[in-house]
Amino acid sequence: MDASPAANPGERGDNDLAIELDRATEASGTYPIVLVSYLIGCNDYADDSVVDLVKGYVSYVVSEEGQLAAQANAGNAPISADSRAKAEAILASIK
């Protein structure tokens, strides 16, 4: 997934992690079928208590603990450190 380019670069906001999934890899040790999940939120919320809830939820989902829970319960592969860092940077900008 990290090797896939951003979807419509320049047309999406800075806080958009959408990708054009590259399934054409022939690299050894890769598997071309992936499970991709989406988590969509707003950049701004009128209520600070909602900001706290959103940040708490998303923080857990992208955390190592949340990724391990997803792996244990659904067989998901955890997100990469690069994807986690990007998500955390976006999360920090929510207000």
N, C-alpha and C. Protein backbone atom coordinates (compact mmCIF):
# COMPACT_ATOMS: atom_id res chain seq x y z
N MET A 1 0.82 -1.18 0.00
CA MET A 1 0.00 0.00 0.00
C MET A 1 0.87 1.26 0.00
N ASP A 2 1.97 1.23 0.74
CA ASP A 2 2.83 2.41 0.79
C ASP A 2 3.44 2.74 -0.56
N ALA A 3 3.56 1.75 -1.44
CA ALA A 3 4.14 1.98 -2.77
C ALA A 3 3.13 2.60 -3.73
N SER A 4 1.86 2.64 -3.34
CA SER A 4 0.83 3.18 -4.22
C SER A 4 0.82 4.70 -4.18
N PRO A 5 0.63 5.33 -5.35
CA PRO A 5 0.62 6.79 -5.39
C PRO A 5 -0.66 7.39 -4.81
N ALA A 6 -0.59 8.64 -4.42
CA ALA A 6 -1.77 9.35 -3.93
C ALA A 6 -2.81 9.43 -5.04
N ALA A 7 -4.07 9.33 -4.67
CA ALA A 7 -5.17 9.44 -5.64
C ALA A 7 -5.38 10.91 -5.97
N ASN A 8 -5.35 11.24 -7.25
CA ASN A 8 -5.60 12.60 -7.71
C ASN A 8 -4.80 13.65 -6.95
N PRO A 9 -3.47 13.52 -6.94
CA PRO A 9 -2.68 14.52 -6.20
C PRO A 9 -2.97 15.93 -6.71
N GLY A 10 -3.05 16.86 -5.79
CA GLY A 10 -3.34 18.24 -6.15
C GLY A 10 -4.82 18.55 -6.14
N GLU A 11 -5.66 17.52 -6.26
CA GLU A 11 -7.11 17.73 -6.27
C GLU A 11 -7.72 17.49 -4.90
N ARG A 12 -7.00 16.83 -4.03
CA ARG A 12 -7.50 16.49 -2.71
C ARG A 12 -6.82 17.37 -1.67
N GLY A 13 -7.41 17.51 -0.53
CA GLY A 13 -6.82 18.31 0.53
C GLY A 13 -5.55 17.67 1.09
N ASP A 14 -4.81 18.45 1.83
CA ASP A 14 -3.57 17.97 2.44
C ASP A 14 -3.81 16.83 3.42
N ASN A 15 -4.99 16.74 3.98
CA ASN A 15 -5.28 15.72 4.98
C ASN A 15 -5.98 14.50 4.39
N ASP A 16 -5.80 14.25 3.12
CA ASP A 16 -6.44 13.12 2.44
C ASP A 16 -5.38 12.07 2.14
N LEU A 17 -5.57 10.87 2.64
CA LEU A 17 -4.61 9.79 2.42
C LEU A 17 -5.09 8.80 1.36
N ALA A 18 -6.08 9.17 0.54
CA ALA A 18 -6.57 8.27 -0.50
C ALA A 18 -5.44 7.93 -1.46
N ILE A 19 -5.43 6.68 -1.93
CA ILE A 19 -4.38 6.21 -2.83
C ILE A 19 -4.98 5.55 -4.06
N GLU A 20 -4.19 5.47 -5.11
CA GLU A 20 -4.50 4.65 -6.28
C GLU A 20 -3.75 3.35 -6.03
N LEU A 21 -4.46 2.32 -5.63
CA LEU A 21 -3.83 1.07 -5.23
C LEU A 21 -3.10 0.42 -6.40
N ASP A 22 -1.81 0.21 -6.25
CA ASP A 22 -0.97 -0.42 -7.27
C ASP A 22 -0.96 -1.92 -7.03
N ARG A 23 -1.69 -2.66 -7.86
CA ARG A 23 -1.77 -4.12 -7.71
C ARG A 23 -0.83 -4.84 -8.67
N ALA A 24 -0.02 -4.11 -9.39
CA ALA A 24 0.79 -4.71 -10.45
C ALA A 24 2.17 -5.16 -9.98
N THR A 25 2.39 -5.24 -8.70
CA THR A 25 3.71 -5.61 -8.20
C THR A 25 4.07 -7.06 -8.54
N GLU A 26 5.33 -7.25 -8.82
CA GLU A 26 5.86 -8.60 -9.02
C GLU A 26 6.97 -8.86 -8.01
N ALA A 27 7.06 -8.00 -7.01
CA ALA A 27 8.10 -8.12 -6.00
C ALA A 27 7.91 -9.39 -5.18
N SER A 28 8.99 -10.02 -4.86
CA SER A 28 8.97 -11.24 -4.06
C SER A 28 8.40 -10.95 -2.67
N GLY A 29 7.56 -11.85 -2.19
CA GLY A 29 7.02 -11.72 -0.84
C GLY A 29 5.82 -10.81 -0.72
N THR A 30 5.30 -10.34 -1.84
CA THR A 30 4.12 -9.47 -1.78
C THR A 30 2.89 -10.24 -2.24
N TYR A 31 1.75 -9.77 -1.82
CA TYR A 31 0.49 -10.40 -2.17
C TYR A 31 -0.40 -9.31 -2.75
N PRO A 32 -0.89 -9.48 -3.97
CA PRO A 32 -1.59 -8.38 -4.64
C PRO A 32 -3.01 -8.09 -4.15
N ILE A 33 -3.52 -8.90 -3.24
CA ILE A 33 -4.88 -8.66 -2.74
C ILE A 33 -4.76 -8.02 -1.37
N VAL A 34 -5.48 -6.93 -1.17
CA VAL A 34 -5.40 -6.22 0.10
C VAL A 34 -6.79 -5.93 0.65
N LEU A 35 -6.85 -5.74 1.94
CA LEU A 35 -8.05 -5.27 2.60
C LEU A 35 -7.77 -3.83 2.99
N VAL A 36 -8.49 -2.92 2.40
CA VAL A 36 -8.29 -1.50 2.71
C VAL A 36 -9.54 -0.99 3.42
N SER A 37 -9.33 -0.36 4.54
CA SER A 37 -10.43 0.23 5.30
C SER A 37 -10.31 1.74 5.23
N TYR A 38 -11.42 2.39 5.39
CA TYR A 38 -11.44 3.85 5.36
C TYR A 38 -11.98 4.37 6.68
N LEU A 39 -11.41 5.44 7.14
CA LEU A 39 -11.87 6.14 8.31
C LEU A 39 -11.91 7.61 7.92
N ILE A 40 -13.09 8.17 7.91
CA ILE A 40 -13.26 9.54 7.42
C ILE A 40 -13.73 10.44 8.56
N GLY A 41 -13.10 11.58 8.69
CA GLY A 41 -13.49 12.55 9.70
C GLY A 41 -13.42 13.94 9.11
N CYS A 42 -13.73 14.90 9.93
CA CYS A 42 -13.68 16.31 9.51
C CYS A 42 -12.40 16.95 10.01
N ASN A 43 -12.01 18.04 9.39
CA ASN A 43 -10.85 18.80 9.85
C ASN A 43 -11.20 19.70 11.03
N ASP A 44 -12.45 20.14 11.08
CA ASP A 44 -12.91 21.06 12.12
C ASP A 44 -14.24 20.58 12.68
N TYR A 45 -14.39 20.71 13.99
CA TYR A 45 -15.64 20.38 14.68
C TYR A 45 -16.05 21.57 15.53
N ALA A 46 -17.34 21.83 15.63
CA ALA A 46 -17.84 22.96 16.41
C ALA A 46 -17.75 22.70 17.91
N ASP A 47 -17.78 21.44 18.30
CA ASP A 47 -17.81 21.06 19.71
C ASP A 47 -16.49 20.40 20.11
N ASP A 48 -15.80 20.99 21.08
CA ASP A 48 -14.52 20.45 21.52
C ASP A 48 -14.63 19.03 22.06
N SER A 49 -15.79 18.68 22.64
CA SER A 49 -15.94 17.32 23.16
C SER A 49 -15.97 16.31 22.02
N VAL A 50 -16.48 16.71 20.87
CA VAL A 50 -16.47 15.84 19.69
C VAL A 50 -15.04 15.68 19.19
N VAL A 51 -14.28 16.76 19.20
CA VAL A 51 -12.86 16.70 18.80
C VAL A 51 -12.15 15.66 19.65
N ASP A 52 -12.37 15.70 20.96
CA ASP A 52 -11.72 14.76 21.87
C ASP A 52 -12.12 13.32 21.56
N LEU A 53 -13.40 13.09 21.27
CA LEU A 53 -13.88 11.74 20.94
C LEU A 53 -13.27 11.25 19.63
N VAL A 54 -13.28 12.10 18.62
CA VAL A 54 -12.73 11.72 17.31
C VAL A 54 -11.24 11.41 17.44
N LYS A 55 -10.51 12.30 18.09
CA LYS A 55 -9.07 12.10 18.24
C LYS A 55 -8.78 10.83 19.05
N GLY A 56 -9.56 10.58 20.08
CA GLY A 56 -9.36 9.37 20.88
C GLY A 56 -9.60 8.11 20.07
N TYR A 57 -10.68 8.10 19.31
CA TYR A 57 -11.01 6.94 18.49
C TYR A 57 -9.97 6.70 17.41
N VAL A 58 -9.65 7.73 16.65
CA VAL A 58 -8.69 7.58 15.56
C VAL A 58 -7.30 7.23 16.11
N SER A 59 -6.93 7.84 17.22
CA SER A 59 -5.63 7.51 17.84
C SER A 59 -5.55 6.03 18.14
N TYR A 60 -6.63 5.47 18.69
CA TYR A 60 -6.64 4.04 18.99
C TYR A 60 -6.57 3.20 17.72
N VAL A 61 -7.36 3.54 16.73
CA VAL A 61 -7.40 2.76 15.49
C VAL A 61 -6.02 2.68 14.83
N VAL A 62 -5.29 3.78 14.79
CA VAL A 62 -3.99 3.78 14.11
C VAL A 62 -2.84 3.36 15.03
N SER A 63 -3.11 3.25 16.32
CA SER A 63 -2.05 2.87 17.26
C SER A 63 -1.63 1.42 17.06
N GLU A 64 -0.47 1.10 17.59
CA GLU A 64 -0.01 -0.29 17.53
C GLU A 64 -1.01 -1.21 18.22
N GLU A 65 -1.55 -0.78 19.36
CA GLU A 65 -2.54 -1.58 20.08
C GLU A 65 -3.79 -1.81 19.23
N GLY A 66 -4.30 -0.77 18.60
CA GLY A 66 -5.48 -0.90 17.75
C GLY A 66 -5.23 -1.78 16.55
N GLN A 67 -4.05 -1.66 15.97
CA GLN A 67 -3.70 -2.48 14.82
C GLN A 67 -3.56 -3.95 15.21
N LEU A 68 -3.01 -4.22 16.39
CA LEU A 68 -2.90 -5.60 16.87
C LEU A 68 -4.28 -6.19 17.13
N ALA A 69 -5.21 -5.38 17.66
CA ALA A 69 -6.58 -5.85 17.88
C ALA A 69 -7.26 -6.17 16.55
N ALA A 70 -7.06 -5.33 15.55
CA ALA A 70 -7.63 -5.59 14.22
C ALA A 70 -7.05 -6.86 13.63
N GLN A 71 -5.77 -7.06 13.82
CA GLN A 71 -5.12 -8.26 13.30
C GLN A 71 -5.67 -9.50 14.00
N ALA A 72 -5.82 -9.44 15.31
CA ALA A 72 -6.32 -10.59 16.07
C ALA A 72 -7.77 -10.91 15.76
N ASN A 73 -8.59 -9.88 15.55
CA ASN A 73 -10.02 -10.09 15.37
C ASN A 73 -10.47 -10.25 13.93
N ALA A 74 -9.74 -9.67 12.99
CA ALA A 74 -10.18 -9.72 11.59
C ALA A 74 -9.10 -10.21 10.64
N GLY A 75 -7.91 -10.47 11.15
CA GLY A 75 -6.84 -10.95 10.29
C GLY A 75 -6.18 -9.85 9.47
N ASN A 76 -6.41 -8.60 9.85
CA ASN A 76 -5.80 -7.48 9.12
C ASN A 76 -4.29 -7.47 9.30
N ALA A 77 -3.59 -7.03 8.28
CA ALA A 77 -2.17 -6.72 8.42
C ALA A 77 -2.09 -5.31 8.99
N PRO A 78 -1.20 -5.07 9.93
CA PRO A 78 -1.12 -3.72 10.50
C PRO A 78 -0.61 -2.70 9.49
N ILE A 79 -0.98 -1.44 9.69
CA ILE A 79 -0.48 -0.38 8.82
C ILE A 79 1.01 -0.18 9.08
N SER A 80 1.68 0.38 8.12
CA SER A 80 3.12 0.63 8.25
C SER A 80 3.38 1.81 9.17
N ALA A 81 4.61 1.92 9.61
CA ALA A 81 5.01 3.06 10.44
C ALA A 81 4.83 4.37 9.67
N ASP A 82 5.08 4.36 8.36
CA ASP A 82 4.90 5.55 7.53
C ASP A 82 3.43 5.96 7.48
N SER A 83 2.54 4.99 7.26
CA SER A 83 1.10 5.29 7.23
C SER A 83 0.63 5.79 8.59
N ARG A 84 1.13 5.18 9.66
CA ARG A 84 0.75 5.61 11.01
C ARG A 84 1.20 7.06 11.24
N ALA A 85 2.42 7.38 10.86
CA ALA A 85 2.94 8.74 11.05
C ALA A 85 2.11 9.76 10.27
N LYS A 86 1.72 9.43 9.05
CA LYS A 86 0.88 10.34 8.25
C LYS A 86 -0.47 10.55 8.92
N ALA A 87 -1.08 9.45 9.39
CA ALA A 87 -2.38 9.55 10.05
C ALA A 87 -2.28 10.36 11.34
N GLU A 88 -1.22 10.16 12.10
CA GLU A 88 -1.04 10.91 13.35
C GLU A 88 -0.83 12.40 13.09
N ALA A 89 -0.14 12.74 12.01
CA ALA A 89 0.06 14.15 11.66
C ALA A 89 -1.28 14.80 11.30
N ILE A 90 -2.09 14.09 10.56
CA ILE A 90 -3.42 14.61 10.21
C ILE A 90 -4.26 14.74 11.47
N LEU A 91 -4.21 13.75 12.32
CA LEU A 91 -4.97 13.76 13.57
C LEU A 91 -4.62 14.97 14.43
N ALA A 92 -3.36 15.31 14.48
CA ALA A 92 -2.91 16.46 15.27
C ALA A 92 -3.47 17.78 14.76
N SER A 93 -3.84 17.83 13.48
CA SER A 93 -4.35 19.08 12.90
C SER A 93 -5.85 19.27 13.08
N ILE A 94 -6.55 18.24 13.55
CA ILE A 94 -8.01 18.35 13.75
C ILE A 94 -8.29 19.30 14.90
N LYS A 95 -9.26 20.20 14.66
CA LYS A 95 -9.63 21.16 15.72
C LYS A 95 -11.12 21.36 15.77
